[in-house]
Amino acid sequence: AYYPHKKIQLTILEGAPTVLSRLPENVSHQITKRLTKAGVMIRPNERVRAVNAKAITLSSGESLSSDVTVWTTGFENVAACYLPDTMCTNGRLSVNEQLTHPKHKTLYAVGDIAYAVDPVSGQPYPQLGETAASQGRFVAKDILNQIKKRPRATFSFQSIGNLIPLGDWDGAAMIGKLTFFGIFARLTRHMVYIAVIPTWKAKFKIMIDWALHSFGPRYILGASQESSSTLDAK
């Protein structure tokens, strides 16, 4: 709409069988359906071998032209680079229910580097910001409890949910057992985002910005005549 004489194609190359594979299958399927309807091409089970200024080479040898490439490869667990292998599991520091190493009671780990297992599912807690924030609060309280000679608690985590933007007025929301999509999911994400912003001045500036965008186009950078943008998620 903004550039009627230009052809723009957005392609997502996903290393897994589905996008957002950590989510329930029905949610991942619905997100794929909505992105496809919006004109996004999704290619699952694709791996990238090389990237240059104008093209992406897949592991199959196929070459895709790309004027703009956004590479999202995640992160690498690197605890073993700093600690003995015997203290680590899958590159993360093994911790117990107090988020300390079993043999080093004053060594805490929170966030991506912590390998803490959910006693109910037997699986490690997800490496998400929500998890890290919960672990940080727990560790602060645990240290205070020890200083004041109070009983120590055990760490447990239950995600409040996921809020995923899928365009200006589209989104997906998972809150507890409730899952919904569309404009209401996107507005819910906006409300949660505003709630965690630290000052009223910042909250007000963001709300004004969103309101202005609702009545007019966003700032758009120029693109080439035949442009394509490719995302890769392994």
Protein backbone atom coordinates (compact mmCIF):
# COMPACT_ATOMS: atom_id res chain seq x y z
CA ALA A 1 0.00 0.00 0.00
CA TYR A 2 2.84 2.40 0.84
CA TYR A 3 4.93 1.45 -2.22
CA PRO A 4 2.51 0.34 -4.96
CA HIS A 5 5.30 0.06 -7.57
CA LYS A 6 7.51 -2.18 -5.44
CA LYS A 7 7.20 -5.88 -4.74
CA ILE A 8 8.06 -6.85 -1.17
CA GLN A 9 8.07 -10.45 0.01
CA LEU A 10 8.65 -11.45 3.64
CA THR A 11 9.89 -15.01 4.13
CA ILE A 12 10.49 -16.84 7.41
CA LEU A 13 12.99 -19.70 7.30
CA GLU A 14 12.34 -21.90 10.34
CA GLY A 15 14.75 -24.62 11.39
CA ALA A 16 12.04 -26.49 13.30
CA PRO A 17 8.98 -28.22 11.78
CA THR A 18 6.76 -25.30 12.90
CA VAL A 19 7.15 -21.68 13.94
CA LEU A 20 7.20 -21.15 17.70
CA SER A 21 7.46 -24.89 18.22
CA ARG A 22 7.64 -24.53 22.03
CA LEU A 23 3.99 -23.43 22.02
CA PRO A 24 1.05 -25.88 21.87
CA GLU A 25 0.54 -27.29 18.37
CA ASN A 26 -2.88 -25.68 17.88
CA VAL A 27 -1.49 -22.23 18.77
CA SER A 28 1.52 -22.63 16.48
CA HIS A 29 -0.79 -23.75 13.67
CA GLN A 30 -3.09 -20.75 14.13
CA ILE A 31 -0.13 -18.34 14.13
CA THR A 32 1.20 -19.92 10.94
CA LYS A 33 -2.25 -19.58 9.36
CA ARG A 34 -2.51 -15.90 10.27
CA LEU A 35 0.98 -15.03 9.06
CA THR A 36 0.36 -16.85 5.78
CA LYS A 37 -2.93 -14.99 5.31
CA ALA A 38 -1.03 -11.71 5.81
CA GLY A 39 1.26 -12.64 2.89
CA VAL A 40 4.22 -14.03 4.84
CA MET A 41 5.88 -17.07 3.26
CA ILE A 42 6.89 -19.67 5.86
CA ARG A 43 9.39 -22.41 5.03
CA PRO A 44 9.84 -24.91 7.90
CA ASN A 45 12.73 -27.36 8.32
CA GLU A 46 15.15 -25.00 6.59
CA ARG A 47 18.76 -24.40 7.61
CA VAL A 48 21.02 -21.59 6.44
CA ARG A 49 24.55 -22.33 5.26
CA ALA A 50 25.72 -18.82 4.34
CA VAL A 51 24.55 -15.19 4.19
CA ASN A 52 25.88 -12.31 2.12
CA ALA A 53 24.66 -8.81 1.24
CA LYS A 54 22.23 -9.95 -1.45
CA ALA A 55 21.47 -13.64 -0.92
CA ILE A 56 21.04 -16.50 1.53
CA THR A 57 22.31 -20.01 0.81
CA LEU A 58 20.36 -22.86 2.35
CA SER A 59 21.84 -26.17 3.50
CA SER A 60 20.29 -27.76 0.39
CA GLY A 61 22.36 -25.44 -1.80
CA GLU A 62 19.37 -23.33 -2.84
CA SER A 63 20.04 -19.59 -3.03
CA LEU A 64 17.41 -16.99 -2.07
CA SER A 65 17.81 -13.31 -2.96
CA SER A 66 17.42 -11.04 0.06
CA ASP A 67 17.91 -7.28 0.35
CA VAL A 68 17.26 -7.28 4.10
CA THR A 69 18.12 -10.28 6.29
CA VAL A 70 17.27 -10.55 9.99
CA TRP A 71 19.13 -13.41 11.63
CA THR A 72 17.67 -14.84 14.87
CA THR A 73 19.75 -17.80 15.98
CA GLY A 74 18.95 -17.73 19.68
CA PHE A 75 21.78 -18.12 22.16
CA GLU A 76 24.44 -20.57 23.28
CA ASN A 77 24.78 -21.96 26.80
CA VAL A 78 28.31 -21.08 27.91
CA ALA A 79 28.56 -21.97 31.62
CA ALA A 80 31.08 -24.71 30.77
CA CYS A 81 33.43 -22.00 29.43
CA TYR A 82 33.85 -20.67 32.97
CA LEU A 83 33.09 -23.61 35.26
CA PRO A 84 34.13 -27.29 35.41
CA ASP A 85 32.07 -29.66 33.29
CA THR A 86 31.05 -31.55 36.43
CA MET A 87 29.11 -28.48 37.61
CA CYS A 88 27.18 -28.05 34.36
CA THR A 89 24.34 -29.69 32.47
CA ASN A 90 23.91 -28.88 28.78
CA GLY A 91 26.15 -25.85 29.15
CA ARG A 92 24.19 -24.46 32.11
CA LEU A 93 24.99 -24.41 35.84
CA SER A 94 23.12 -27.18 37.67
CA VAL A 95 21.15 -25.79 40.62
CA ASN A 96 18.79 -27.23 43.24
CA GLU A 97 15.42 -26.05 44.55
CA GLN A 98 17.10 -23.01 46.17
CA LEU A 99 18.80 -22.13 42.85
CA THR A 100 22.23 -22.88 44.29
CA HIS A 101 24.71 -25.49 43.14
CA PRO A 102 24.28 -28.68 45.21
CA LYS A 103 27.93 -28.67 46.32
CA HIS A 104 28.40 -24.91 46.56
CA LYS A 105 25.59 -23.49 48.69
CA THR A 106 26.57 -19.84 48.12
CA LEU A 107 26.75 -20.14 44.33
CA TYR A 108 23.43 -19.03 42.85
CA ALA A 109 22.38 -19.05 39.20
CA VAL A 110 19.38 -17.34 37.61
CA GLY A 111 18.21 -16.82 34.06
CA ASP A 112 19.60 -18.50 30.97
CA ILE A 113 22.66 -19.91 32.72
CA ALA A 114 20.66 -21.76 35.40
CA TYR A 115 19.70 -25.40 34.84
CA ALA A 116 16.78 -25.65 37.27
CA VAL A 117 14.33 -28.53 36.87
CA ASP A 118 10.59 -28.29 37.40
CA PRO A 119 9.84 -31.05 39.97
CA VAL A 120 6.38 -31.61 38.43
CA SER A 121 7.31 -32.02 34.76
CA GLY A 122 10.91 -33.12 35.27
CA GLN A 123 11.94 -30.67 32.54
CA PRO A 124 14.23 -27.63 32.94
CA TYR A 125 12.47 -24.30 33.29
CA PRO A 126 12.29 -22.33 30.02
CA GLN A 127 15.01 -19.79 29.28
CA LEU A 128 12.71 -16.77 29.21
CA GLY A 129 12.79 -13.30 30.71
CA GLU A 130 9.74 -14.14 32.81
CA THR A 131 11.60 -17.11 34.32
CA ALA A 132 14.73 -15.05 35.01
CA ALA A 133 12.74 -12.28 36.74
CA SER A 134 11.00 -14.81 38.98
CA GLN A 135 14.31 -16.47 39.85
CA GLY A 136 15.93 -13.12 40.62
CA ARG A 137 13.18 -12.21 43.09
CA PHE A 138 13.43 -15.65 44.72
CA VAL A 139 17.22 -15.41 45.19
CA ALA A 140 16.96 -11.94 46.75
CA LYS A 141 14.39 -13.24 49.26
CA ASP A 142 16.41 -16.40 49.93
CA ILE A 143 19.54 -14.42 50.78
CA LEU A 144 17.50 -12.17 53.09
CA ASN A 145 15.92 -15.20 54.77
CA GLN A 146 19.36 -16.63 55.52
CA ILE A 147 20.62 -13.33 56.93
CA LYS A 148 17.58 -13.07 59.21
CA LYS A 149 17.67 -16.79 60.10
CA ARG A 150 14.27 -17.43 58.54
CA PRO A 151 13.17 -20.75 56.97
CA ARG A 152 14.21 -21.10 53.34
CA ALA A 153 11.62 -21.68 50.61
CA THR A 154 11.92 -23.76 47.45
CA PHE A 155 11.71 -22.25 43.99
CA SER A 156 8.77 -22.95 41.71
CA PHE A 157 7.70 -21.21 38.54
CA GLN A 158 4.48 -21.11 36.55
CA SER A 159 4.33 -18.92 33.47
CA ILE A 160 1.54 -16.35 33.46
CA GLY A 161 1.29 -16.67 29.69
CA ASN A 162 2.52 -15.54 26.28
CA LEU A 163 1.57 -12.42 24.32
CA ILE A 164 2.74 -12.54 20.70
CA PRO A 165 2.35 -9.65 18.19
CA LEU A 166 1.42 -10.70 14.66
CA GLY A 167 1.08 -7.30 13.00
CA ASP A 168 -0.25 -3.86 13.86
CA TRP A 169 -3.71 -5.09 14.88
CA ASP A 170 -3.24 -8.82 15.24
CA GLY A 171 -1.76 -11.02 17.92
CA ALA A 172 -1.94 -14.23 19.91
CA ALA A 173 -2.44 -14.49 23.66
CA MET A 174 -2.10 -17.43 26.04
CA ILE A 175 -3.07 -16.59 29.62
CA GLY A 176 -3.42 -19.64 31.82
CA LYS A 177 -5.76 -22.02 29.99
CA LEU A 178 -7.26 -19.19 27.93
CA THR A 179 -6.06 -18.70 24.34
CA PHE A 180 -7.34 -16.01 21.97
CA PHE A 181 -6.24 -14.21 18.81
CA GLY A 182 -6.81 -11.00 16.88
CA ILE A 183 -7.09 -7.36 17.87
CA PHE A 184 -8.09 -8.13 21.49
CA ALA A 185 -4.91 -10.20 21.94
CA ARG A 186 -2.85 -7.31 20.58
CA LEU A 187 -4.58 -4.77 22.86
CA THR A 188 -3.98 -7.09 25.82
CA ARG A 189 -0.28 -7.10 24.99
CA HIS A 190 -0.31 -3.29 24.84
CA MET A 191 -1.97 -3.06 28.27
CA VAL A 192 0.53 -5.47 29.85
CA TYR A 193 3.42 -3.59 28.24
CA ILE A 194 2.16 -0.27 29.63
CA ALA A 195 1.70 -1.82 33.09
CA VAL A 196 5.38 -2.80 33.42
CA ILE A 197 6.81 0.52 32.16
CA PRO A 198 8.38 2.14 35.29
CA THR A 199 7.19 5.79 35.15
CA TRP A 200 3.92 7.53 34.28
CA LYS A 201 5.79 9.89 31.97
CA ALA A 202 7.12 6.97 29.94
CA LYS A 203 3.69 5.28 29.96
CA PHE A 204 2.05 8.47 28.66
CA LYS A 205 4.62 8.96 25.87
CA ILE A 206 4.14 5.40 24.64
CA MET A 207 0.33 5.67 24.70
CA ILE A 208 0.49 8.91 22.68
CA ASP A 209 2.83 7.25 20.18
CA TRP A 210 0.49 4.27 19.74
CA ALA A 211 -2.53 6.57 19.39
CA LEU A 212 -0.86 8.59 16.63
CA HIS A 213 0.09 5.39 14.80
CA SER A 214 -3.53 4.29 14.95
CA PHE A 215 -4.60 7.25 12.78
CA GLY A 216 -1.77 7.29 10.29
CA PRO A 217 1.01 5.23 8.72
CA ARG A 218 4.21 4.37 10.49
CA TYR A 219 7.53 5.69 9.24
CA ILE A 220 8.61 3.46 6.36
CA LEU A 221 12.17 3.28 5.02
CA GLY A 222 12.71 3.06 1.27
CA ALA A 223 13.20 -0.35 -0.34
CA SER A 224 14.61 -1.50 -3.66
CA GLN A 225 12.41 -2.24 -6.69
CA GLU A 226 12.33 -5.99 -6.08
CA SER A 227 13.02 -6.38 -2.36
CA SER A 228 12.62 -9.30 -0.04
CA SER A 229 13.21 -9.70 3.66
CA THR A 230 14.16 -13.02 5.16
CA LEU A 231 14.16 -14.14 8.78
CA ASP A 232 15.95 -17.26 9.94
CA ALA A 233 15.12 -18.96 13.23
CA LYS A 234 16.96 -22.10 14.16
